[in-house]
Protein backbone atom coordinates (compact mmCIF):
# COMPACT_ATOMS: atom_id res chain seq x y z
CA UNK A 1 -110.15 -57.11 52.24
CA UNK A 2 -107.75 -54.66 50.62
CA UNK A 3 -108.22 -54.14 46.89
CA UNK A 4 -105.56 -55.72 44.72
CA UNK A 5 -103.37 -53.55 42.50
CA UNK A 6 -104.58 -53.59 38.90
CA UNK A 7 -101.90 -53.81 36.22
CA UNK A 8 -101.75 -53.90 32.41
CA UNK A 9 -98.83 -55.21 30.33
CA UNK A 10 -98.47 -53.59 26.88
CA UNK A 11 -96.23 -55.23 24.26
CA UNK A 12 -96.31 -58.17 26.66
CA UNK A 13 -94.72 -60.83 24.44
CA UNK A 14 -94.68 -64.19 26.20
CA UNK A 15 -94.97 -62.58 29.64
CA UNK A 16 -91.49 -62.25 31.14
CA UNK A 17 -92.39 -58.93 32.76
CA UNK A 18 -95.88 -60.12 33.68
CA UNK A 19 -94.55 -63.07 35.68
CA UNK A 20 -93.20 -60.84 38.42
CA UNK A 21 -96.55 -59.14 38.90
CA UNK A 22 -98.65 -62.28 38.33
CA UNK A 23 -96.76 -64.17 41.06
CA UNK A 24 -97.21 -61.34 43.57
CA UNK A 25 -100.62 -61.86 45.22
CA UNK A 26 -101.04 -58.11 45.75
CA UNK A 27 -101.49 -57.58 42.00
CA UNK A 28 -104.48 -58.28 39.79
CA UNK A 29 -103.92 -58.87 36.07
CA UNK A 30 -106.32 -56.72 34.04
CA UNK A 31 -104.94 -57.08 30.51
CA UNK A 32 -101.93 -58.06 28.41
CA UNK A 33 -101.63 -57.22 24.75
CA UNK A 34 -99.30 -57.74 21.80
CA UNK A 35 -99.54 -58.32 18.08
CA UNK A 36 -97.77 -61.71 18.21
CA UNK A 37 -100.11 -64.72 18.14
CA UNK A 38 -97.49 -67.29 19.21
CA UNK A 39 -96.54 -65.16 22.20
CA UNK A 40 -100.24 -65.03 23.09
CA UNK A 41 -100.39 -68.84 22.91
CA UNK A 42 -97.44 -69.05 25.31
CA UNK A 43 -98.91 -66.46 27.66
CA UNK A 44 -102.26 -68.22 27.85
CA UNK A 45 -100.60 -71.62 28.36
CA UNK A 46 -98.82 -70.29 31.44
CA UNK A 47 -101.16 -67.69 32.91
CA UNK A 48 -104.43 -69.61 32.78
CA UNK A 49 -107.43 -67.44 32.02
CA UNK A 50 -105.44 -64.21 31.79
CA UNK A 51 -106.98 -61.61 29.50
CA UNK A 52 -104.65 -61.32 26.47
CA UNK A 53 -105.79 -59.35 23.43
CA UNK A 54 -104.08 -59.39 20.05
CA UNK A 55 -104.05 -55.75 18.98
CA UNK A 56 -101.87 -53.55 16.80
CA UNK A 57 -101.34 -50.36 18.80
CA UNK A 58 -99.94 -48.79 15.64
CA UNK A 59 -103.48 -48.74 14.25
CA UNK A 60 -106.29 -46.56 15.55
CA UNK A 61 -108.70 -49.47 15.95
CA UNK A 62 -106.15 -51.44 17.97
CA UNK A 63 -105.36 -48.50 20.23
CA UNK A 64 -109.04 -47.67 20.72
CA UNK A 65 -109.79 -51.28 21.63
CA UNK A 66 -107.12 -51.34 24.33
CA UNK A 67 -108.09 -47.96 25.75
CA UNK A 68 -111.70 -49.12 26.01
CA UNK A 69 -110.65 -52.38 27.66
CA UNK A 70 -108.50 -50.62 30.26
CA UNK A 71 -111.04 -47.96 31.14
CA UNK A 72 -110.23 -45.82 34.20
CA UNK A 73 -108.76 -46.48 37.61
CA UNK A 74 -105.61 -48.27 36.47
CA UNK A 75 -102.89 -48.64 39.09
CA UNK A 76 -99.83 -49.84 37.16
CA UNK A 77 -98.91 -49.89 33.47
CA UNK A 78 -95.87 -51.89 32.37
CA UNK A 79 -94.34 -52.73 29.00
CA UNK A 80 -91.47 -52.51 26.57
CA UNK A 81 -92.58 -50.75 23.36
CA UNK A 82 -90.31 -51.19 20.33
CA UNK A 83 -88.74 -48.02 18.95
CA UNK A 84 -89.82 -48.63 15.38
CA UNK A 85 -92.20 -46.15 13.84
CA UNK A 86 -95.41 -46.89 12.00
CA UNK A 87 -97.43 -45.31 9.24
CA UNK A 88 -100.81 -46.99 9.62
CA UNK A 89 -102.45 -44.69 12.15
CA UNK A 90 -103.72 -42.34 9.48
CA UNK A 91 -103.02 -41.32 5.92
CA UNK A 92 -101.08 -38.16 6.71
CA UNK A 93 -97.34 -38.79 6.34
CA UNK A 94 -96.65 -35.47 8.04
CA UNK A 95 -98.34 -36.78 11.19
CA UNK A 96 -97.54 -40.48 11.09
CA UNK A 97 -93.80 -40.09 10.54
CA UNK A 98 -93.50 -38.57 14.03
CA UNK A 99 -95.37 -41.41 15.71
CA UNK A 100 -93.78 -44.51 17.16
CA UNK A 101 -95.05 -47.36 19.29
CA UNK A 102 -93.42 -45.59 22.24
CA UNK A 103 -95.84 -42.72 21.53
CA UNK A 104 -98.74 -45.14 21.61
CA UNK A 105 -97.58 -46.45 24.97
CA UNK A 106 -97.58 -42.84 26.19
CA UNK A 107 -101.06 -42.29 24.74
CA UNK A 108 -102.27 -45.17 26.92
CA UNK A 109 -100.58 -43.48 29.91
CA UNK A 110 -102.33 -40.20 29.08
CA UNK A 111 -105.77 -41.82 28.89
CA UNK A 112 -105.50 -44.49 31.61
CA UNK A 113 -103.68 -42.20 34.10
CA UNK A 114 -101.92 -45.04 36.01
CA UNK A 115 -100.49 -44.30 39.44
CA UNK A 116 -97.22 -45.87 38.28
CA UNK A 117 -95.91 -46.73 34.87
CA UNK A 118 -92.76 -48.60 33.89
CA UNK A 119 -91.26 -48.53 30.40
CA UNK A 120 -88.47 -51.01 29.55
CA UNK A 121 -86.14 -50.97 26.57
CA UNK A 122 -82.62 -51.72 25.38
CA UNK A 123 -79.79 -49.58 26.72
CA UNK A 124 -79.50 -47.81 23.35
CA UNK A 125 -82.94 -46.27 23.96
CA UNK A 126 -81.19 -43.63 26.07
CA UNK A 127 -79.31 -42.19 23.09
CA UNK A 128 -81.55 -43.25 20.19
CA UNK A 129 -83.22 -40.34 18.39
CA UNK A 130 -87.00 -40.08 18.19
CA UNK A 131 -88.32 -38.90 14.77
CA UNK A 132 -89.03 -35.50 16.37
CA UNK A 133 -85.27 -34.93 16.67
CA UNK A 134 -84.63 -35.36 20.41
CA UNK A 135 -83.59 -38.56 22.17
CA UNK A 136 -86.33 -40.98 23.16
CA UNK A 137 -86.04 -40.25 26.91
CA UNK A 138 -86.28 -36.52 26.24
CA UNK A 139 -89.32 -37.10 24.05
CA UNK A 140 -90.97 -39.22 26.75
CA UNK A 141 -90.34 -36.50 29.35
CA UNK A 142 -91.63 -33.78 27.03
CA UNK A 143 -94.83 -35.69 26.39
CA UNK A 144 -95.67 -36.63 29.95
CA UNK A 145 -94.97 -33.08 31.10
CA UNK A 146 -98.06 -32.10 29.06
CA UNK A 147 -100.34 -34.66 30.74
CA UNK A 148 -102.98 -33.17 33.02
CA UNK A 149 -102.25 -35.59 35.85
CA UNK A 150 -98.51 -34.81 35.89
CA UNK A 151 -95.74 -37.32 36.62
CA UNK A 152 -92.53 -37.60 38.58
CA UNK A 153 -90.01 -39.73 36.72
CA UNK A 154 -86.55 -41.26 36.78
CA UNK A 155 -84.32 -43.37 34.54
CA UNK A 156 -82.48 -46.52 35.58
CA UNK A 157 -79.89 -48.68 33.83
CA UNK A 158 -80.03 -52.18 35.34
CA UNK A 159 -77.84 -55.20 34.71
CA UNK A 160 -79.51 -58.59 35.27
CA UNK A 161 -76.27 -59.96 36.74
CA UNK A 162 -76.74 -57.62 39.73
CA UNK A 163 -80.07 -59.31 40.48
CA UNK A 164 -78.86 -62.91 40.58
CA UNK A 165 -78.77 -63.94 36.92
CA UNK A 166 -75.88 -65.63 35.13
CA UNK A 167 -76.28 -63.19 32.26
CA UNK A 168 -74.70 -59.86 31.41
CA UNK A 169 -77.91 -58.14 30.31
CA UNK A 170 -78.15 -54.36 30.59
CA UNK A 171 -81.51 -52.67 30.06
CA UNK A 172 -83.06 -49.20 30.35
CA UNK A 173 -86.06 -48.52 32.62
CA UNK A 174 -88.17 -45.36 32.80
CA UNK A 175 -90.31 -45.29 35.95
CA UNK A 176 -92.89 -42.63 36.76
CA UNK A 177 -95.44 -41.90 39.49
CA UNK A 178 -98.55 -39.74 39.18
CA UNK A 179 -98.34 -36.45 41.07
CA UNK A 180 -101.95 -36.94 42.13
CA UNK A 181 -100.83 -39.43 44.77
CA UNK A 182 -97.08 -38.69 44.86
CA UNK A 183 -96.95 -34.91 45.09
CA UNK A 184 -93.32 -34.60 46.19
CA UNK A 185 -91.82 -37.59 44.37
CA UNK A 186 -91.02 -39.33 47.65
CA UNK A 187 -92.95 -42.45 46.61
CA UNK A 188 -90.92 -42.70 43.42
CA UNK A 189 -87.74 -42.41 45.49
CA UNK A 190 -88.91 -45.29 47.69
CA UNK A 191 -89.66 -47.46 44.66
CA UNK A 192 -86.14 -46.86 43.33
CA UNK A 193 -84.65 -47.67 46.75
CA UNK A 194 -86.66 -50.90 46.81
CA UNK A 195 -85.32 -51.86 43.38
CA UNK A 196 -81.74 -51.14 44.41
CA UNK A 197 -82.20 -53.24 47.55
CA UNK A 198 -83.01 -56.21 45.33
CA UNK A 199 -79.44 -56.36 44.07
CA UNK A 200 -77.28 -59.23 45.25
CA UNK A 201 -73.54 -59.78 45.56
CA UNK A 202 -73.96 -63.41 44.55
CA UNK A 203 -72.29 -63.87 41.17
CA UNK A 204 -73.69 -66.76 39.12
CA UNK A 205 -72.09 -68.41 36.11
CA UNK A 206 -73.39 -70.63 33.33
CA UNK A 207 -72.66 -73.82 35.26
CA UNK A 208 -75.00 -72.69 38.06
CA UNK A 209 -78.04 -72.44 35.81
CA UNK A 210 -77.88 -75.03 33.01
CA UNK A 211 -75.39 -77.79 33.92
CA UNK A 212 -78.04 -79.95 35.64
CA UNK A 213 -80.28 -80.14 32.56
CA UNK A 214 -80.42 -83.47 30.68
CA UNK A 215 -77.62 -83.78 28.16
CA UNK A 216 -78.83 -83.08 24.64
CA UNK A 217 -76.67 -83.83 21.62
CA UNK A 218 -76.90 -81.99 18.32
CA UNK A 219 -80.15 -82.74 16.44
CA UNK A 220 -81.73 -84.36 19.51
CA UNK A 221 -83.95 -83.44 22.45
CA UNK A 222 -87.67 -82.63 22.31
CA UNK A 223 -90.29 -80.01 23.08
CA UNK A 224 -91.45 -82.41 25.81
CA UNK A 225 -88.55 -84.53 27.02
CA UNK A 226 -89.55 -87.34 29.39
CA UNK A 227 -87.02 -88.25 32.06
CA UNK A 228 -86.49 -91.72 33.61
CA UNK A 229 -88.39 -90.71 36.75
CA UNK A 230 -91.47 -89.79 34.71
CA UNK A 231 -90.98 -86.00 34.98
CA UNK A 232 -90.62 -83.76 31.96
CA UNK A 233 -88.36 -81.00 30.66
CA UNK A 234 -89.96 -78.64 28.14
CA UNK A 235 -88.45 -76.95 25.07
CA UNK A 236 -85.10 -78.71 25.49
CA UNK A 237 -84.40 -79.44 21.84
CA UNK A 238 -81.34 -78.83 19.66
CA UNK A 239 -81.58 -77.12 16.31
CA UNK A 240 -81.19 -79.38 13.30
CA UNK A 241 -77.67 -78.19 12.50
CA UNK A 242 -76.07 -79.39 9.28
CA UNK A 243 -73.18 -81.87 9.42
CA UNK A 244 -70.90 -79.15 7.99
CA UNK A 245 -71.81 -76.79 10.83
CA UNK A 246 -71.31 -79.56 13.40
CA UNK A 247 -67.82 -80.21 11.98
CA UNK A 248 -66.92 -76.55 12.42
CA UNK A 249 -68.20 -76.56 16.00
CA UNK A 250 -65.99 -79.57 16.81
CA UNK A 251 -62.89 -77.46 16.18
CA UNK A 252 -63.96 -74.64 18.53
CA UNK A 253 -62.45 -74.92 22.03
CA UNK A 254 -64.02 -73.45 25.16
CA UNK A 255 -63.72 -69.69 24.84
CA UNK A 256 -62.84 -70.00 21.15
CA UNK A 257 -64.72 -69.09 18.01
CA UNK A 258 -64.66 -68.84 14.24
CA UNK A 259 -60.92 -68.11 14.15
CA UNK A 260 -60.30 -71.66 15.47
CA UNK A 261 -62.09 -73.36 12.58
CA UNK A 262 -59.75 -74.67 9.83
CA UNK A 263 -60.10 -72.61 6.66
CA UNK A 264 -60.76 -75.73 4.61
CA UNK A 265 -64.10 -76.07 6.43
CA UNK A 266 -65.18 -72.48 5.85
CA UNK A 267 -67.47 -71.13 3.17
CA UNK A 268 -66.24 -68.26 1.02
CA UNK A 269 -68.35 -65.90 3.09
CA UNK A 270 -66.79 -67.12 6.34
CA UNK A 271 -63.28 -66.87 4.86
CA UNK A 272 -63.91 -63.23 3.99
CA UNK A 273 -65.16 -62.68 7.54
CA UNK A 274 -62.01 -64.21 9.04
CA UNK A 275 -59.81 -62.17 6.70
CA UNK A 276 -61.50 -58.92 7.77
CA UNK A 277 -63.11 -58.08 4.46
CA UNK A 278 -66.29 -57.06 6.30
CA UNK A 279 -64.45 -54.88 8.79
CA UNK A 280 -62.13 -55.38 11.73
CA UNK A 281 -62.85 -55.75 15.42
CA UNK A 282 -64.13 -58.57 17.61
CA UNK A 283 -67.05 -59.52 15.38
CA UNK A 284 -65.44 -62.67 13.92
CA UNK A 285 -64.15 -63.78 17.34
CA UNK A 286 -67.65 -64.23 18.73
CA UNK A 287 -69.17 -66.00 15.74
CA UNK A 288 -69.23 -69.73 16.46
CA UNK A 289 -68.20 -68.70 19.97
CA UNK A 290 -68.20 -71.52 22.52
CA UNK A 291 -69.38 -70.53 25.97
CA UNK A 292 -67.50 -71.14 29.22
CA UNK A 293 -68.99 -72.92 32.23
CA UNK A 294 -67.37 -70.61 34.75
CA UNK A 295 -68.41 -67.32 33.19
CA UNK A 296 -71.82 -65.68 32.86
CA UNK A 297 -73.62 -65.71 29.52
CA UNK A 298 -73.75 -62.72 27.28
CA UNK A 299 -77.17 -61.17 26.62
CA UNK A 300 -79.69 -63.76 25.45
CA UNK A 301 -80.96 -62.18 22.23
CA UNK A 302 -84.04 -62.79 20.11
CA UNK A 303 -82.14 -64.16 17.10
CA UNK A 304 -80.61 -67.07 18.98
CA UNK A 305 -81.21 -69.37 16.01
CA UNK A 306 -78.57 -67.48 14.00
CA UNK A 307 -75.00 -68.61 14.48
CA UNK A 308 -73.84 -65.03 13.89
CA UNK A 309 -75.83 -63.62 16.81
CA UNK A 310 -73.05 -64.06 19.37
CA UNK A 311 -71.23 -66.50 21.64
CA UNK A 312 -73.90 -69.16 22.23
CA UNK A 313 -72.37 -72.53 21.37
CA UNK A 314 -72.83 -74.95 24.30
CA UNK A 315 -69.67 -75.38 26.44
CA UNK A 316 -69.49 -79.13 25.68
CA UNK A 317 -71.97 -80.07 22.95
CA UNK A 318 -71.51 -79.14 19.29
CA UNK A 319 -74.70 -77.10 19.01
CA UNK A 320 -76.28 -73.79 19.94
CA UNK A 321 -78.11 -73.53 23.24
CA UNK A 322 -81.59 -75.04 23.36
CA UNK A 323 -84.60 -72.81 24.09
CA UNK A 324 -84.77 -74.29 27.61
CA UNK A 325 -81.14 -73.43 28.29
CA UNK A 326 -81.83 -69.88 27.11
CA UNK A 327 -84.93 -69.76 29.31
CA UNK A 328 -82.89 -70.93 32.33
CA UNK A 329 -80.33 -68.18 31.69
CA UNK A 330 -83.24 -65.71 31.49
CA UNK A 331 -84.55 -67.08 34.85
CA UNK A 332 -87.82 -68.52 33.49
CA UNK A 333 -89.08 -71.35 35.71
CA UNK A 334 -88.87 -74.87 34.24
CA UNK A 335 -92.65 -75.09 34.40
CA UNK A 336 -92.96 -72.25 31.87
CA UNK A 337 -93.80 -73.76 28.46
CA UNK A 338 -93.06 -71.91 25.20
CA UNK A 339 -95.41 -72.42 22.26
CA UNK A 340 -94.67 -72.13 18.55
CA UNK A 341 -91.68 -73.31 16.51
CA UNK A 342 -88.10 -73.15 17.73
CA UNK A 343 -87.33 -69.82 16.06
CA UNK A 344 -90.40 -68.30 17.68
CA UNK A 345 -89.40 -69.75 21.05
CA UNK A 346 -85.95 -68.16 20.80
CA UNK A 347 -87.50 -64.80 19.92
CA UNK A 348 -89.99 -64.97 22.78
CA UNK A 349 -87.26 -65.80 25.29
CA UNK A 350 -84.75 -63.25 24.00
CA UNK A 351 -87.27 -60.41 23.89
CA UNK A 352 -88.49 -61.00 27.45
CA UNK A 353 -87.62 -59.14 30.63
CA UNK A 354 -86.01 -61.78 32.90
CA UNK A 355 -88.71 -62.95 35.34
CA UNK A 356 -86.36 -62.62 38.32
CA UNK A 357 -85.82 -58.94 37.49
CA UNK A 358 -89.57 -58.53 36.93
CA UNK A 359 -90.25 -59.98 40.39
CA UNK A 360 -87.97 -57.41 42.00
CA UNK A 361 -89.68 -54.59 40.09
CA UNK A 362 -93.12 -55.88 41.12
CA UNK A 363 -92.11 -56.17 44.77
CA UNK A 364 -90.61 -52.67 44.73
CA UNK A 365 -93.86 -51.21 43.40
CA UNK A 366 -96.15 -53.47 45.43
CA UNK A 367 -94.45 -52.60 48.73
CA UNK A 368 -95.37 -48.98 48.10
CA UNK A 369 -98.82 -49.26 46.51
CA UNK A 370 -100.27 -52.05 48.64
CA UNK A 371 -100.69 -49.88 51.78
CA UNK A 372 -102.26 -46.99 49.81
C-alpha cells in the first residue's frame, strides 16, 4: 500500500483549507493548529479525531511545541498566516519588531522541510510591506532562498468565482516545492497547471446557492433548525436586529443601500455618512446594501455581523445573511457545523479558504505527490 501524503495546516481556523485535503483519501492529516478555541471546537466537531493543538506561534513555547509535534518527513504544509506582527517571542524590541506570524510560518518550513508548502493570504499581501522594509512576497522569497533545502516558488492570484463559487473572492497564494525532489521546478509547473485546469466557465449567482434554504425571517431561525421531513439545517439563524434597523432595511430595494433609507429614520452618524462628512466614494452606497439574486456575492468577510461591512442584506428578507447562507456562499457543505456564538461563526466562515477551492488545490498537489 502506498504511503499517504502527510499534511499540516497552520493557522487552520475552522478548517476551510483542511477540508480539501481531508476529503482526498491520498492525504493523511498530521496536525492543525490555531490560537482560536472556538475554531478548534468547530474543527473537532467536523473532522472527528483530528489532531488540533491550540498554540500561539508568536510565542517561543508555542512554536517549539508545534515543531516538536511535526517532527521530520513532512510532505505538505498549508496555511494562511496573518500579517500582524508580535512582540512576545523575546524581550528584545530590536528583534521582535521584525518578526511576524508569516515569519513563524516560514520558520516551520525551514525546520520541517516540506516537499510542498502553500501560503494563502488576502490580495493586499502582494503589496503590503513587511517590517523589514520590503513587500511580504519579497521577504518570503528572501527567507526561503537561505534555507538549506532550497525551494522553487510561484505566486498566484485566484478568484473563487473561477472555480465554481457564487462569490467574487480574490486571494493570494504562494506555492513552493523543495528542490530536493523538484530540481528543475517542473513539478511546481505541473501543480500550477493542475490548479488552472480546475477553473470552470460555469458562472453561479446567489440564487444558485442559497435560494433553496428554508425561509428565515428577521430574529428567527436556529442553530439547529428541524424541517418537516425530520432533517436539519445548521447555523441558519438571523441576528437579533433592532426594530429600528429592520425599518431601515424595509426601505432598501434590491441593489439599493443606505441612500434609499429616509433621512428621518437615520441616526446622526448615518446622516453624516450619507452627506459625505466621512469622505466621498461608494462607501455609503454599500452600507445597508441589499443583495441581488441574479448576481454573485461580494467577498464573504469575517465581520459579517456588522452592517457596515458591505452589501450583505438578504435579497428578500429584512436581515443580514445567516451564518449558513454565508457558509453556502463559501461552499461549505451543509453537514459542516459551526460552533460558538453567531459572531464567532461569521468570523470562522469569513476567514476560511472556500472548501471548493481547497479541494482543487489538494487535487493539484495530490496528483503530483501521490505517484512519488
